[in-house]
Amino acid sequence: MDRRPLIVVGSAVALLASAFAVRRLLSNPCVQKRLGMTVKPELCDEAVDLASEDSFPASDPPSFTATTAGLAL
């Protein structure tokens, strides 16, 4: 059995998938900013601000409640 057609089809599918992944990656404003492409800077910062707001309760330190030990009877 000749495997050349399977290799050609597999290579074409891999090339198509990698092209799709690169295209998807380059549509991200933060990646565009790192690569020096022209992008509105507030688009990347907006995602960071939103993530920071979403994690707000988890970033608060626990409150300190002073307790006193009572006498055990």
C-alpha atoms as a PDB file:
ATOM      1  CA  MET A   1       0.000   0.000   0.000  1.00  0.00           C
ATOM      2  CA  ASP A   2       1.343   3.372  -1.008  1.00  0.00           C
ATOM      3  CA  ARG A   3       1.244   5.884   1.831  1.00  0.00           C
ATOM      4  CA  ARG A   4       2.110   8.959  -0.206  1.00  0.00           C
ATOM      5  CA  PRO A   5      -1.511  10.134  -0.637  1.00  0.00           C
ATOM      6  CA  LEU A   6      -2.053   9.900   3.126  1.00  0.00           C
ATOM      7  CA  ILE A   7       1.116  11.883   3.797  1.00  0.00           C
ATOM      8  CA  VAL A   8       0.077  14.571   1.309  1.00  0.00           C
ATOM      9  CA  VAL A   9      -3.428  14.861   2.777  1.00  0.00           C
ATOM     10  CA  GLY A  10      -2.080  14.868   6.346  1.00  0.00           C
ATOM     11  CA  SER A  11       0.442  17.562   5.489  1.00  0.00           C
ATOM     12  CA  ALA A  12      -2.246  19.695   3.850  1.00  0.00           C
ATOM     13  CA  VAL A  13      -4.495  19.393   6.896  1.00  0.00           C
ATOM     14  CA  ALA A  14      -1.610  20.286   9.234  1.00  0.00           C
ATOM     15  CA  LEU A  15      -0.712  23.314   7.107  1.00  0.00           C
ATOM     16  CA  LEU A  16      -4.327  24.492   7.075  1.00  0.00           C
ATOM     17  CA  ALA A  17      -4.664  24.054  10.845  1.00  0.00           C
ATOM     18  CA  SER A  18      -1.444  25.938  11.551  1.00  0.00           C
ATOM     19  CA  ALA A  19      -2.480  28.790   9.237  1.00  0.00           C
ATOM     20  CA  PHE A  20      -5.792  29.038  11.087  1.00  0.00           C
ATOM     21  CA  ALA A  21      -3.988  29.062  14.458  1.00  0.00           C
ATOM     22  CA  VAL A  22      -1.602  31.835  13.368  1.00  0.00           C
ATOM     23  CA  ARG A  23      -4.474  33.896  11.992  1.00  0.00           C
ATOM     24  CA  ARG A  24      -6.406  33.480  15.247  1.00  0.00           C
ATOM     25  CA  LEU A  25      -3.352  34.368  17.314  1.00  0.00           C
ATOM     26  CA  LEU A  26      -2.625  37.507  15.306  1.00  0.00           C
ATOM     27  CA  SER A  27      -6.189  38.749  15.826  1.00  0.00           C
ATOM     28  CA  ASN A  28      -5.466  39.151  19.562  1.00  0.00           C
ATOM     29  CA  PRO A  29      -4.736  42.834  20.358  1.00  0.00           C
ATOM     30  CA  CYS A  30      -2.209  41.951  23.082  1.00  0.00           C
ATOM     31  CA  VAL A  31      -0.199  39.801  20.668  1.00  0.00           C
ATOM     32  CA  GLN A  32      -0.345  42.556  18.060  1.00  0.00           C
ATOM     33  CA  LYS A  33       0.992  45.027  20.623  1.00  0.00           C
ATOM     34  CA  ARG A  34       3.912  42.728  21.541  1.00  0.00           C
ATOM     35  CA  LEU A  35       4.824  42.268  17.885  1.00  0.00           C
ATOM     36  CA  GLY A  36       4.875  46.030  17.340  1.00  0.00           C
ATOM     37  CA  MET A  37       1.841  46.068  15.087  1.00  0.00           C
ATOM     38  CA  THR A  38      -0.427  49.092  15.166  1.00  0.00           C
ATOM     39  CA  VAL A  39      -3.191  48.488  17.656  1.00  0.00           C
ATOM     40  CA  LYS A  40      -5.221  50.616  19.996  1.00  0.00           C
ATOM     41  CA  PRO A  41      -3.459  50.260  23.366  1.00  0.00           C
ATOM     42  CA  GLU A  42      -6.682  50.445  25.341  1.00  0.00           C
ATOM     43  CA  LEU A  43      -7.889  47.158  23.813  1.00  0.00           C
ATOM     44  CA  CYS A  44      -5.173  45.170  25.558  1.00  0.00           C
ATOM     45  CA  ASP A  45      -5.387  47.139  28.792  1.00  0.00           C
ATOM     46  CA  GLU A  46      -9.161  46.687  28.882  1.00  0.00           C
ATOM     47  CA  ALA A  47      -8.764  42.904  29.103  1.00  0.00           C
ATOM     48  CA  VAL A  48      -6.335  43.270  32.017  1.00  0.00           C
ATOM     49  CA  ASP A  49      -8.650  45.668  33.839  1.00  0.00           C
ATOM     50  CA  LEU A  50     -11.617  43.353  33.353  1.00  0.00           C
ATOM     51  CA  ALA A  51      -9.675  40.358  34.696  1.00  0.00           C
ATOM     52  CA  SER A  52      -8.559  42.448  37.672  1.00  0.00           C
ATOM     53  CA  GLU A  53     -12.128  43.480  38.455  1.00  0.00           C
ATOM     54  CA  ASP A  54     -13.349  39.892  38.149  1.00  0.00           C
ATOM     55  CA  SER A  55     -10.782  38.665  40.677  1.00  0.00           C
ATOM     56  CA  PHE A  56     -11.403  41.475  43.172  1.00  0.00           C
ATOM     57  CA  PRO A  57     -12.956  39.495  46.059  1.00  0.00           C
ATOM     58  CA  ALA A  58     -10.218  36.875  45.867  1.00  0.00           C
ATOM     59  CA  SER A  59      -7.508  39.513  46.105  1.00  0.00           C
ATOM     60  CA  ASP A  60      -8.772  41.018  49.365  1.00  0.00           C
ATOM     61  CA  PRO A  61      -6.862  39.933  52.445  1.00  0.00           C
ATOM     62  CA  PRO A  62      -8.912  38.240  55.149  1.00  0.00           C
ATOM     63  CA  SER A  63     -10.247  40.569  57.789  1.00  0.00           C
ATOM     64  CA  PHE A  64      -8.665  40.467  61.199  1.00  0.00           C
ATOM     65  CA  THR A  65     -11.071  39.945  64.059  1.00  0.00           C
ATOM     66  CA  ALA A  66      -9.559  40.276  67.480  1.00  0.00           C
ATOM     67  CA  THR A  67     -10.757  37.654  69.896  1.00  0.00           C
ATOM     68  CA  THR A  68     -10.193  37.205  73.574  1.00  0.00           C
ATOM     69  CA  ALA A  69      -9.989  33.914  75.318  1.00  0.00           C
ATOM     70  CA  GLY A  70     -12.593  33.519  78.005  1.00  0.00           C
ATOM     71  CA  LEU A  71     -12.377  31.599  81.236  1.00  0.00           C
ATOM     72  CA  ALA A  72     -13.475  28.033  80.901  1.00  0.00           C
ATOM     73  CA  LEU A  73     -15.838  26.994  83.632  1.00  0.00           C
END
